[in-house]
């Protein structure tokens, strides 16, 4: 009885570099997510990610050190590193972890519709009068779940396309009015780890 056996050359120059490429994508994706979570103060999930990250990295390095003259392994490692950074950012975008502060600046008198939209959506709203370079404006502040940003931006572009707005990450939250958090396929499994920390 004969078995299909991959030749050493095919394994060393094709199969192993591909495995290193995939491993490095996983490793750098985890690293990117871990750094983002550390910056958000999610202290319980970051160490778990770090464990799997370093295990994958050690396996990839061990494979490379078996034949340091193999350029295909180095290329697989490098391309995996580059693509892994992008994949990590995409995953973080899908997870939409935490809350963000939305700051909207619009001319005075054109804010009622936006304020009403936010209030009807159970978003906390703070509206302030301010002085802009071209006259009086209204500044609207709202702390929202990051996953809700596309919905709010789309509404702003539809109702007030000239509105100026900025979005900032928020690490700590103390009290306030918040729209109920709705888990997604991505966030539902790790919800206990990713809730925004409240400063007591």
C-alpha atoms as a PDB file:
ATOM      1  CA  UNK A   1       0.000   0.000   0.000  1.00  0.00           C
ATOM      2  CA  UNK A   2       1.407   3.377  -0.996  1.00  0.00           C
ATOM      3  CA  UNK A   3       0.746   6.691   0.695  1.00  0.00           C
ATOM      4  CA  UNK A   4       0.921  10.171  -0.755  1.00  0.00           C
ATOM      5  CA  UNK A   5       3.957  11.867   0.735  1.00  0.00           C
ATOM      6  CA  UNK A   6       4.885  15.478   0.096  1.00  0.00           C
ATOM      7  CA  UNK A   7       8.431  15.790  -1.136  1.00  0.00           C
ATOM      8  CA  UNK A   8      10.854  17.648   1.178  1.00  0.00           C
ATOM      9  CA  UNK A   9      11.377  20.405  -1.380  1.00  0.00           C
ATOM     10  CA  UNK A  10       7.642  21.084  -1.743  1.00  0.00           C
ATOM     11  CA  UNK A  11       7.210  21.057   2.026  1.00  0.00           C
ATOM     12  CA  UNK A  12      10.156  23.378   2.719  1.00  0.00           C
ATOM     13  CA  UNK A  13       9.529  25.865  -0.078  1.00  0.00           C
ATOM     14  CA  UNK A  14       5.720  25.900  -0.378  1.00  0.00           C
ATOM     15  CA  UNK A  15       3.836  24.205   2.462  1.00  0.00           C
ATOM     16  CA  UNK A  16       5.911  25.498   5.388  1.00  0.00           C
ATOM     17  CA  UNK A  17       6.112  29.114   4.109  1.00  0.00           C
ATOM     18  CA  UNK A  18       2.331  29.088   3.636  1.00  0.00           C
ATOM     19  CA  UNK A  19       1.844  27.808   7.182  1.00  0.00           C
ATOM     20  CA  UNK A  20       4.159  30.526   8.483  1.00  0.00           C
ATOM     21  CA  UNK A  21       2.233  33.105   6.423  1.00  0.00           C
ATOM     22  CA  UNK A  22      -1.106  32.041   7.946  1.00  0.00           C
ATOM     23  CA  UNK A  23       0.367  31.810  11.443  1.00  0.00           C
ATOM     24  CA  UNK A  24       1.799  35.303  11.162  1.00  0.00           C
ATOM     25  CA  UNK A  25      -1.545  36.702  10.001  1.00  0.00           C
ATOM     26  CA  UNK A  26      -3.161  35.211  13.105  1.00  0.00           C
ATOM     27  CA  UNK A  27      -0.335  36.397  15.345  1.00  0.00           C
ATOM     28  CA  UNK A  28      -0.274  40.014  14.167  1.00  0.00           C
ATOM     29  CA  UNK A  29      -4.082  40.198  14.065  1.00  0.00           C
ATOM     30  CA  UNK A  30      -4.163  39.196  17.717  1.00  0.00           C
ATOM     31  CA  UNK A  31      -1.373  41.656  18.510  1.00  0.00           C
ATOM     32  CA  UNK A  32      -3.246  44.519  16.841  1.00  0.00           C
ATOM     33  CA  UNK A  33      -6.451  43.723  18.712  1.00  0.00           C
ATOM     34  CA  UNK A  34      -4.553  43.356  21.995  1.00  0.00           C
ATOM     35  CA  UNK A  35      -2.922  46.769  21.665  1.00  0.00           C
ATOM     36  CA  UNK A  36      -6.289  48.361  20.897  1.00  0.00           C
ATOM     37  CA  UNK A  37      -7.901  46.655  23.896  1.00  0.00           C
ATOM     38  CA  UNK A  38      -5.064  47.712  26.202  1.00  0.00           C
ATOM     39  CA  UNK A  39      -5.581  51.318  25.084  1.00  0.00           C
ATOM     40  CA  UNK A  40      -9.279  50.964  25.946  1.00  0.00           C
ATOM     41  CA  UNK A  41      -8.553  49.562  29.418  1.00  0.00           C
ATOM     42  CA  UNK A  42      -9.991  46.102  28.714  1.00  0.00           C
ATOM     43  CA  UNK A  43      -7.645  44.358  31.124  1.00  0.00           C
ATOM     44  CA  UNK A  44      -9.269  40.900  31.214  1.00  0.00           C
ATOM     45  CA  UNK A  45      -9.303  40.050  27.524  1.00  0.00           C
ATOM     46  CA  UNK A  46      -5.869  41.452  26.609  1.00  0.00           C
ATOM     47  CA  UNK A  47      -3.840  38.837  28.577  1.00  0.00           C
ATOM     48  CA  UNK A  48      -5.817  35.977  27.002  1.00  0.00           C
ATOM     49  CA  UNK A  49      -5.076  37.325  23.542  1.00  0.00           C
ATOM     50  CA  UNK A  50      -1.406  37.801  24.494  1.00  0.00           C
ATOM     51  CA  UNK A  51      -1.088  34.125  25.462  1.00  0.00           C
ATOM     52  CA  UNK A  52      -2.260  32.810  22.099  1.00  0.00           C
ATOM     53  CA  UNK A  53      -0.318  35.527  20.297  1.00  0.00           C
ATOM     54  CA  UNK A  54       3.031  34.493  21.769  1.00  0.00           C
ATOM     55  CA  UNK A  55       2.351  30.761  21.274  1.00  0.00           C
ATOM     56  CA  UNK A  56       1.724  31.295  17.547  1.00  0.00           C
ATOM     57  CA  UNK A  57       4.791  33.531  17.282  1.00  0.00           C
ATOM     58  CA  UNK A  58       7.046  30.945  18.929  1.00  0.00           C
ATOM     59  CA  UNK A  59       5.799  28.229  16.579  1.00  0.00           C
ATOM     60  CA  UNK A  60       6.477  30.418  13.537  1.00  0.00           C
ATOM     61  CA  UNK A  61       9.966  31.403  14.739  1.00  0.00           C
ATOM     62  CA  UNK A  62      10.816  27.788  15.570  1.00  0.00           C
ATOM     63  CA  UNK A  63       9.896  26.782  12.013  1.00  0.00           C
ATOM     64  CA  UNK A  64      12.015  29.556  10.503  1.00  0.00           C
ATOM     65  CA  UNK A  65      15.050  28.683  12.620  1.00  0.00           C
ATOM     66  CA  UNK A  66      15.035  25.137  11.254  1.00  0.00           C
ATOM     67  CA  UNK A  67      16.292  26.549   7.941  1.00  0.00           C
ATOM     68  CA  UNK A  68      17.342  30.187   8.145  1.00  0.00           C
ATOM     69  CA  UNK A  69      18.582  30.127   4.560  1.00  0.00           C
ATOM     70  CA  UNK A  70      15.063  29.534   3.195  1.00  0.00           C
ATOM     71  CA  UNK A  71      13.987  32.876   1.716  1.00  0.00           C
ATOM     72  CA  UNK A  72      10.418  31.623   1.178  1.00  0.00           C
ATOM     73  CA  UNK A  73       9.912  31.350   4.934  1.00  0.00           C
ATOM     74  CA  UNK A  74      11.122  34.907   5.464  1.00  0.00           C
ATOM     75  CA  UNK A  75       8.791  36.188   2.759  1.00  0.00           C
ATOM     76  CA  UNK A  76       5.873  34.260   4.260  1.00  0.00           C
ATOM     77  CA  UNK A  77       6.679  35.768   7.659  1.00  0.00           C
ATOM     78  CA  UNK A  78       6.936  39.322   6.274  1.00  0.00           C
ATOM     79  CA  UNK A  79       3.805  39.186   4.122  1.00  0.00           C
ATOM     80  CA  UNK A  80       1.877  37.588   6.991  1.00  0.00           C
ATOM     81  CA  UNK A  81       2.975  40.431   9.270  1.00  0.00           C
ATOM     82  CA  UNK A  82       1.759  43.059   6.803  1.00  0.00           C
ATOM     83  CA  UNK A  83      -1.584  41.407   6.082  1.00  0.00           C
ATOM     84  CA  UNK A  84      -2.130  40.558   9.761  1.00  0.00           C
ATOM     85  CA  UNK A  85      -2.074  44.246  10.690  1.00  0.00           C
ATOM     86  CA  UNK A  86      -4.879  44.951   8.224  1.00  0.00           C
ATOM     87  CA  UNK A  87      -6.898  41.906   9.305  1.00  0.00           C
ATOM     88  CA  UNK A  88      -6.587  42.934  12.951  1.00  0.00           C
ATOM     89  CA  UNK A  89      -7.989  46.388  12.218  1.00  0.00           C
ATOM     90  CA  UNK A  90     -10.881  44.886  10.248  1.00  0.00           C
ATOM     91  CA  UNK A  91     -11.710  42.533  13.125  1.00  0.00           C
ATOM     92  CA  UNK A  92     -11.611  45.409  15.602  1.00  0.00           C
ATOM     93  CA  UNK A  93     -13.970  47.381  13.359  1.00  0.00           C
ATOM     94  CA  UNK A  94     -16.395  44.438  13.267  1.00  0.00           C
ATOM     95  CA  UNK A  95     -16.264  44.034  17.046  1.00  0.00           C
ATOM     96  CA  UNK A  96     -16.978  47.768  17.577  1.00  0.00           C
ATOM     97  CA  UNK A  97     -15.887  47.589  21.195  1.00  0.00           C
ATOM     98  CA  UNK A  98     -16.599  50.305  23.727  1.00  0.00           C
ATOM     99  CA  UNK A  99     -18.160  53.739  23.630  1.00  0.00           C
ATOM    100  CA  UNK A 100     -17.141  56.896  21.816  1.00  0.00           C
ATOM    101  CA  UNK A 101     -17.843  60.586  22.232  1.00  0.00           C
ATOM    102  CA  UNK A 102     -19.507  62.215  19.242  1.00  0.00           C
ATOM    103  CA  UNK A 103     -19.057  65.994  19.035  1.00  0.00           C
ATOM    104  CA  UNK A 104     -21.294  67.743  16.490  1.00  0.00           C
ATOM    105  CA  UNK A 105     -21.024  71.446  15.648  1.00  0.00           C
ATOM    106  CA  UNK A 106     -23.777  73.014  13.529  1.00  0.00           C
ATOM    107  CA  UNK A 107     -25.154  76.510  12.931  1.00  0.00           C
ATOM    108  CA  UNK A 108     -27.594  77.697  15.555  1.00  0.00           C
ATOM    109  CA  UNK A 109     -31.177  76.955  14.642  1.00  0.00           C
ATOM    110  CA  UNK A 110     -30.486  73.759  12.652  1.00  0.00           C
ATOM    111  CA  UNK A 111     -29.960  71.417  15.580  1.00  0.00           C
ATOM    112  CA  UNK A 112     -33.493  70.467  16.547  1.00  0.00           C
ATOM    113  CA  UNK A 113     -33.774  67.547  14.142  1.00  0.00           C
ATOM    114  CA  UNK A 114     -30.435  66.046  15.162  1.00  0.00           C
ATOM    115  CA  UNK A 115     -31.122  66.455  18.881  1.00  0.00           C
ATOM    116  CA  UNK A 116     -34.566  64.884  18.438  1.00  0.00           C
ATOM    117  CA  UNK A 117     -33.062  61.945  16.523  1.00  0.00           C
ATOM    118  CA  UNK A 118     -30.534  61.248  19.274  1.00  0.00           C
ATOM    119  CA  UNK A 119     -33.081  61.584  22.071  1.00  0.00           C
ATOM    120  CA  UNK A 120     -35.600  59.325  20.346  1.00  0.00           C
ATOM    121  CA  UNK A 121     -32.846  56.748  19.902  1.00  0.00           C
ATOM    122  CA  UNK A 122     -32.168  56.724  23.676  1.00  0.00           C
ATOM    123  CA  UNK A 123     -28.820  58.459  23.255  1.00  0.00           C
ATOM    124  CA  UNK A 124     -27.716  60.843  25.968  1.00  0.00           C
ATOM    125  CA  UNK A 125     -27.473  64.379  24.548  1.00  0.00           C
ATOM    126  CA  UNK A 126     -25.817  67.550  25.831  1.00  0.00           C
ATOM    127  CA  UNK A 127     -26.456  70.668  23.756  1.00  0.00           C
ATOM    128  CA  UNK A 128     -24.353  73.822  24.223  1.00  0.00           C
ATOM    129  CA  UNK A 129     -24.218  77.282  22.701  1.00  0.00           C
ATOM    130  CA  UNK A 130     -20.788  78.216  21.384  1.00  0.00           C
ATOM    131  CA  UNK A 131     -19.056  80.828  19.290  1.00  0.00           C
ATOM    132  CA  UNK A 132     -17.522  79.719  16.012  1.00  0.00           C
ATOM    133  CA  UNK A 133     -15.300  81.593  13.567  1.00  0.00           C
ATOM    134  CA  UNK A 134     -18.388  82.490  11.502  1.00  0.00           C
ATOM    135  CA  UNK A 135     -20.842  83.212  14.286  1.00  0.00           C
ATOM    136  CA  UNK A 136     -22.864  81.403  16.914  1.00  0.00           C
ATOM    137  CA  UNK A 137     -23.137  77.624  16.657  1.00  0.00           C
ATOM    138  CA  UNK A 138     -24.643  74.801  18.631  1.00  0.00           C
ATOM    139  CA  UNK A 139     -22.385  72.045  19.961  1.00  0.00           C
ATOM    140  CA  UNK A 140     -23.998  68.656  20.568  1.00  0.00           C
ATOM    141  CA  UNK A 141     -22.211  66.036  22.660  1.00  0.00           C
ATOM    142  CA  UNK A 142     -23.343  62.417  22.840  1.00  0.00           C
ATOM    143  CA  UNK A 143     -21.697  59.319  24.292  1.00  0.00           C
ATOM    144  CA  UNK A 144     -22.714  56.345  22.167  1.00  0.00           C
ATOM    145  CA  UNK A 145     -21.867  52.711  21.567  1.00  0.00           C
ATOM    146  CA  UNK A 146     -19.181  52.476  18.906  1.00  0.00           C
ATOM    147  CA  UNK A 147     -21.313  50.092  16.855  1.00  0.00           C
ATOM    148  CA  UNK A 148     -23.920  52.859  16.440  1.00  0.00           C
ATOM    149  CA  UNK A 149     -21.544  55.284  14.718  1.00  0.00           C
ATOM    150  CA  UNK A 150     -22.422  54.332  11.090  1.00  0.00           C
ATOM    151  CA  UNK A 151     -26.134  54.892  11.817  1.00  0.00           C
ATOM    152  CA  UNK A 152     -25.517  58.325  13.350  1.00  0.00           C
ATOM    153  CA  UNK A 153     -23.127  59.429  10.599  1.00  0.00           C
ATOM    154  CA  UNK A 154     -25.587  58.366   7.913  1.00  0.00           C
ATOM    155  CA  UNK A 155     -28.318  60.405   9.601  1.00  0.00           C
ATOM    156  CA  UNK A 156     -26.040  63.457   9.845  1.00  0.00           C
ATOM    157  CA  UNK A 157     -25.103  63.233   6.174  1.00  0.00           C
ATOM    158  CA  UNK A 158     -28.776  62.992   5.227  1.00  0.00           C
ATOM    159  CA  UNK A 159     -30.192  65.769   7.415  1.00  0.00           C
ATOM    160  CA  UNK A 160     -27.225  68.134   7.760  1.00  0.00           C
ATOM    161  CA  UNK A 161     -24.427  67.285   5.300  1.00  0.00           C
ATOM    162  CA  UNK A 162     -22.439  70.412   6.254  1.00  0.00           C
ATOM    163  CA  UNK A 163     -22.298  69.550   9.952  1.00  0.00           C
ATOM    164  CA  UNK A 164     -18.847  69.310  11.515  1.00  0.00           C
ATOM    165  CA  UNK A 165     -18.391  66.290  13.749  1.00  0.00           C
ATOM    166  CA  UNK A 166     -15.566  64.446  15.471  1.00  0.00           C
ATOM    167  CA  UNK A 167     -15.420  61.063  17.191  1.00  0.00           C
ATOM    168  CA  UNK A 168     -13.167  60.201  20.126  1.00  0.00           C
ATOM    169  CA  UNK A 169     -12.592  56.979  22.030  1.00  0.00           C
ATOM    170  CA  UNK A 170     -13.714  56.965  25.656  1.00  0.00           C
ATOM    171  CA  UNK A 171     -11.901  54.804  28.195  1.00  0.00           C
ATOM    172  CA  UNK A 172     -13.887  55.475  31.373  1.00  0.00           C
ATOM    173  CA  UNK A 173     -17.566  56.259  31.831  1.00  0.00           C
ATOM    174  CA  UNK A 174     -19.294  57.538  34.965  1.00  0.00           C
ATOM    175  CA  UNK A 175     -23.096  57.624  34.921  1.00  0.00           C
ATOM    176  CA  UNK A 176     -25.090  59.019  32.002  1.00  0.00           C
ATOM    177  CA  UNK A 177     -27.857  58.051  29.593  1.00  0.00           C
ATOM    178  CA  UNK A 178     -26.897  55.242  27.237  1.00  0.00           C
ATOM    179  CA  UNK A 179     -28.637  53.412  24.429  1.00  0.00           C
ATOM    180  CA  UNK A 180     -29.097  49.723  25.409  1.00  0.00           C
ATOM    181  CA  UNK A 181     -26.204  47.573  24.214  1.00  0.00           C
ATOM    182  CA  UNK A 182     -27.224  44.992  21.596  1.00  0.00           C
ATOM    183  CA  UNK A 183     -24.764  42.110  21.133  1.00  0.00           C
ATOM    184  CA  UNK A 184     -23.760  41.000  17.651  1.00  0.00           C
ATOM    185  CA  UNK A 185     -22.443  37.677  16.411  1.00  0.00           C
ATOM    186  CA  UNK A 186     -18.899  38.928  17.079  1.00  0.00           C
ATOM    187  CA  UNK A 187     -19.402  40.635  20.446  1.00  0.00           C
ATOM    188  CA  UNK A 188     -21.956  38.324  22.035  1.00  0.00           C
ATOM    189  CA  UNK A 189     -19.381  35.664  22.934  1.00  0.00           C
ATOM    190  CA  UNK A 190     -16.977  38.051  24.640  1.00  0.00           C
ATOM    191  CA  UNK A 191     -19.412  40.611  26.092  1.00  0.00           C
ATOM    192  CA  UNK A 192     -18.339  39.979  29.717  1.00  0.00           C
ATOM    193  CA  UNK A 193     -14.805  41.091  28.808  1.00  0.00           C
ATOM    194  CA  UNK A 194     -15.473  44.130  26.638  1.00  0.00           C
ATOM    195  CA  UNK A 195     -17.979  46.275  28.508  1.00  0.00           C
ATOM    196  CA  UNK A 196     -16.717  49.809  28.987  1.00  0.00           C
ATOM    197  CA  UNK A 197     -15.302  50.292  32.438  1.00  0.00           C
ATOM    198  CA  UNK A 198     -17.134  52.697  34.716  1.00  0.00           C
ATOM    199  CA  UNK A 199     -15.083  54.884  36.963  1.00  0.00           C
ATOM    200  CA  UNK A 200     -16.416  54.741  40.481  1.00  0.00           C
END
